[in-house]
Amino acid sequence: MDREELVRKRQELKDRLAAIRRDLGGGLARDMEDQAQQLENQDTLMEISRVTEQELERIEQALRALDQGEDS
């Protein structure tokens, strides 16, 4: 990936994390069945968030490596 692709991917990941955090912060419904579904969804969202954060860190590392290469 070139720098432009990495920057674009980094923004996509940041946007995805922001959306996940909004969803997780939304609170629970009053209906017990809806709450059960929301809790299952929260587990899934938390795992997606974890994987997204890992991918974001890899992108950040790649960008730092490119920046260091440009400074040399």
N, C-alpha and C. Protein backbone atom coordinates (compact mmCIF):
# COMPACT_ATOMS: atom_id res chain seq x y z
N MET A 1 0.84 -1.19 0.00
CA MET A 1 0.00 0.00 0.00
C MET A 1 0.88 1.25 0.00
N ASP A 2 0.47 2.22 -0.76
CA ASP A 2 1.21 3.48 -0.73
C ASP A 2 0.64 4.38 0.37
N ARG A 3 1.31 5.50 0.59
CA ARG A 3 0.94 6.41 1.67
C ARG A 3 -0.51 6.87 1.57
N GLU A 4 -0.93 7.21 0.37
CA GLU A 4 -2.30 7.70 0.17
C GLU A 4 -3.34 6.65 0.57
N GLU A 5 -3.09 5.41 0.18
CA GLU A 5 -3.99 4.31 0.54
C GLU A 5 -4.01 4.10 2.06
N LEU A 6 -2.84 4.18 2.68
CA LEU A 6 -2.77 4.01 4.14
C LEU A 6 -3.53 5.11 4.86
N VAL A 7 -3.40 6.33 4.41
CA VAL A 7 -4.10 7.46 5.04
C VAL A 7 -5.61 7.29 4.87
N ARG A 8 -6.04 6.87 3.68
CA ARG A 8 -7.46 6.65 3.43
C ARG A 8 -7.99 5.52 4.31
N LYS A 9 -7.24 4.44 4.41
CA LYS A 9 -7.65 3.29 5.24
C LYS A 9 -7.70 3.69 6.71
N ARG A 10 -6.72 4.50 7.15
CA ARG A 10 -6.70 4.95 8.54
C ARG A 10 -7.98 5.74 8.85
N GLN A 11 -8.40 6.61 7.95
CA GLN A 11 -9.61 7.39 8.18
C GLN A 11 -10.85 6.50 8.20
N GLU A 12 -10.89 5.51 7.32
CA GLU A 12 -12.02 4.57 7.32
C GLU A 12 -12.11 3.85 8.66
N LEU A 13 -10.97 3.42 9.18
CA LEU A 13 -10.95 2.71 10.46
C LEU A 13 -11.36 3.62 11.60
N LYS A 14 -10.90 4.86 11.58
CA LYS A 14 -11.29 5.81 12.62
C LYS A 14 -12.79 6.08 12.57
N ASP A 15 -13.34 6.20 11.37
CA ASP A 15 -14.78 6.41 11.22
C ASP A 15 -15.55 5.20 11.73
N ARG A 16 -15.05 4.01 11.42
CA ARG A 16 -15.71 2.79 11.89
C ARG A 16 -15.71 2.72 13.41
N LEU A 17 -14.57 3.03 14.02
CA LEU A 17 -14.49 3.02 15.49
C LEU A 17 -15.44 4.04 16.11
N ALA A 18 -15.55 5.20 15.51
CA ALA A 18 -16.46 6.23 16.03
C ALA A 18 -17.90 5.73 15.97
N ALA A 19 -18.28 5.09 14.87
CA ALA A 19 -19.63 4.56 14.74
C ALA A 19 -19.90 3.45 15.76
N ILE A 20 -18.92 2.61 15.98
CA ILE A 20 -19.07 1.53 16.97
C ILE A 20 -19.25 2.13 18.36
N ARG A 21 -18.44 3.11 18.69
CA ARG A 21 -18.54 3.74 20.02
C ARG A 21 -19.89 4.42 20.22
N ARG A 22 -20.41 5.02 19.15
CA ARG A 22 -21.76 5.62 19.24
C ARG A 22 -22.79 4.54 19.51
N ASP A 23 -22.69 3.43 18.79
CA ASP A 23 -23.64 2.33 18.98
C ASP A 23 -23.55 1.76 20.38
N LEU A 24 -22.33 1.59 20.88
CA LEU A 24 -22.15 1.02 22.21
C LEU A 24 -22.64 1.97 23.31
N GLY A 25 -22.59 3.26 23.06
CA GLY A 25 -23.01 4.24 24.06
C GLY A 25 -24.48 4.56 24.02
N GLY A 26 -25.23 3.88 23.18
CA GLY A 26 -26.63 4.22 22.98
C GLY A 26 -27.58 3.79 24.08
N GLY A 27 -27.17 2.96 24.98
CA GLY A 27 -28.07 2.50 26.04
C GLY A 27 -28.92 1.33 25.58
N LEU A 28 -29.68 0.80 26.51
CA LEU A 28 -30.49 -0.40 26.23
C LEU A 28 -31.97 -0.03 26.10
N ALA A 29 -32.66 -0.83 25.31
CA ALA A 29 -34.11 -0.67 25.14
C ALA A 29 -34.81 -1.11 26.42
N ARG A 30 -36.07 -0.76 26.53
CA ARG A 30 -36.86 -1.16 27.70
C ARG A 30 -37.32 -2.61 27.60
N ASP A 31 -37.60 -3.05 26.41
CA ASP A 31 -38.09 -4.40 26.18
C ASP A 31 -36.98 -5.42 26.44
N MET A 32 -37.29 -6.45 27.22
CA MET A 32 -36.28 -7.45 27.60
C MET A 32 -35.73 -8.21 26.39
N GLU A 33 -36.59 -8.54 25.44
CA GLU A 33 -36.12 -9.25 24.26
C GLU A 33 -35.18 -8.36 23.44
N ASP A 34 -35.54 -7.10 23.33
CA ASP A 34 -34.67 -6.16 22.61
C ASP A 34 -33.34 -6.00 23.35
N GLN A 35 -33.40 -5.97 24.67
CA GLN A 35 -32.17 -5.85 25.46
C GLN A 35 -31.26 -7.05 25.22
N ALA A 36 -31.84 -8.23 25.19
CA ALA A 36 -31.04 -9.44 24.96
C ALA A 36 -30.33 -9.35 23.61
N GLN A 37 -31.05 -8.92 22.60
CA GLN A 37 -30.45 -8.78 21.27
C GLN A 37 -29.37 -7.71 21.27
N GLN A 38 -29.63 -6.60 21.95
CA GLN A 38 -28.63 -5.52 22.03
C GLN A 38 -27.36 -6.00 22.71
N LEU A 39 -27.51 -6.78 23.78
CA LEU A 39 -26.33 -7.28 24.49
C LEU A 39 -25.51 -8.22 23.61
N GLU A 40 -26.19 -9.06 22.83
CA GLU A 40 -25.47 -9.92 21.89
C GLU A 40 -24.74 -9.05 20.86
N ASN A 41 -25.43 -8.03 20.36
CA ASN A 41 -24.81 -7.14 19.39
C ASN A 41 -23.61 -6.40 19.99
N GLN A 42 -23.71 -6.03 21.26
CA GLN A 42 -22.59 -5.34 21.91
C GLN A 42 -21.35 -6.21 21.94
N ASP A 43 -21.53 -7.50 22.23
CA ASP A 43 -20.38 -8.41 22.22
C ASP A 43 -19.72 -8.43 20.85
N THR A 44 -20.54 -8.50 19.82
CA THR A 44 -20.02 -8.50 18.46
C THR A 44 -19.32 -7.19 18.14
N LEU A 45 -19.95 -6.08 18.50
CA LEU A 45 -19.36 -4.77 18.25
C LEU A 45 -18.03 -4.60 18.99
N MET A 46 -17.95 -5.12 20.20
CA MET A 46 -16.70 -5.01 20.96
C MET A 46 -15.58 -5.79 20.27
N GLU A 47 -15.91 -6.94 19.72
CA GLU A 47 -14.89 -7.72 19.01
C GLU A 47 -14.48 -7.01 17.72
N ILE A 48 -15.45 -6.47 16.99
CA ILE A 48 -15.13 -5.71 15.78
C ILE A 48 -14.25 -4.51 16.14
N SER A 49 -14.56 -3.87 17.23
CA SER A 49 -13.78 -2.73 17.69
C SER A 49 -12.34 -3.14 17.99
N ARG A 50 -12.18 -4.26 18.67
CA ARG A 50 -10.84 -4.75 19.02
C ARG A 50 -10.02 -5.03 17.76
N VAL A 51 -10.62 -5.70 16.80
CA VAL A 51 -9.92 -6.04 15.56
C VAL A 51 -9.61 -4.77 14.77
N THR A 52 -10.55 -3.84 14.76
CA THR A 52 -10.35 -2.57 14.04
C THR A 52 -9.21 -1.78 14.67
N GLU A 53 -9.15 -1.75 15.99
CA GLU A 53 -8.06 -1.05 16.67
C GLU A 53 -6.71 -1.67 16.35
N GLN A 54 -6.67 -2.99 16.26
CA GLN A 54 -5.42 -3.67 15.89
C GLN A 54 -5.01 -3.29 14.47
N GLU A 55 -5.97 -3.30 13.57
CA GLU A 55 -5.66 -2.94 12.18
C GLU A 55 -5.22 -1.47 12.08
N LEU A 56 -5.87 -0.61 12.85
CA LEU A 56 -5.50 0.80 12.87
C LEU A 56 -4.07 0.97 13.36
N GLU A 57 -3.68 0.22 14.37
CA GLU A 57 -2.31 0.30 14.88
C GLU A 57 -1.31 -0.15 13.81
N ARG A 58 -1.65 -1.19 13.05
CA ARG A 58 -0.75 -1.64 11.98
C ARG A 58 -0.60 -0.54 10.91
N ILE A 59 -1.69 0.13 10.60
CA ILE A 59 -1.65 1.22 9.62
C ILE A 59 -0.77 2.36 10.16
N GLU A 60 -0.96 2.69 11.43
CA GLU A 60 -0.17 3.76 12.05
C GLU A 60 1.32 3.40 12.02
N GLN A 61 1.65 2.15 12.30
CA GLN A 61 3.04 1.72 12.26
C GLN A 61 3.60 1.84 10.84
N ALA A 62 2.81 1.45 9.86
CA ALA A 62 3.26 1.53 8.48
C ALA A 62 3.50 2.99 8.07
N LEU A 63 2.61 3.87 8.51
CA LEU A 63 2.79 5.29 8.20
C LEU A 63 4.02 5.86 8.89
N ARG A 64 4.27 5.46 10.13
CA ARG A 64 5.47 5.91 10.84
C ARG A 64 6.72 5.41 10.12
N ALA A 65 6.69 4.18 9.66
CA ALA A 65 7.84 3.62 8.94
C ALA A 65 8.08 4.40 7.64
N LEU A 66 7.00 4.74 6.95
CA LEU A 66 7.16 5.54 5.73
C LEU A 66 7.72 6.92 6.06
N ASP A 67 7.23 7.53 7.12
CA ASP A 67 7.72 8.86 7.52
C ASP A 67 9.20 8.79 7.88
N GLN A 68 9.60 7.75 8.58
CA GLN A 68 11.01 7.63 8.96
C GLN A 68 11.86 7.40 7.72
N GLY A 69 11.34 6.67 6.76
CA GLY A 69 12.06 6.43 5.51
C GLY A 69 12.21 7.72 4.71
N GLU A 70 11.21 8.58 4.77
CA GLU A 70 11.27 9.86 4.06
C GLU A 70 12.25 10.82 4.71
N ASP A 71 12.42 10.70 6.03
CA ASP A 71 13.34 11.57 6.75
C ASP A 71 14.80 11.19 6.50
N SER A 72 15.03 9.96 6.12
CA SER A 72 16.41 9.47 5.92
C SER A 72 17.02 9.99 4.63
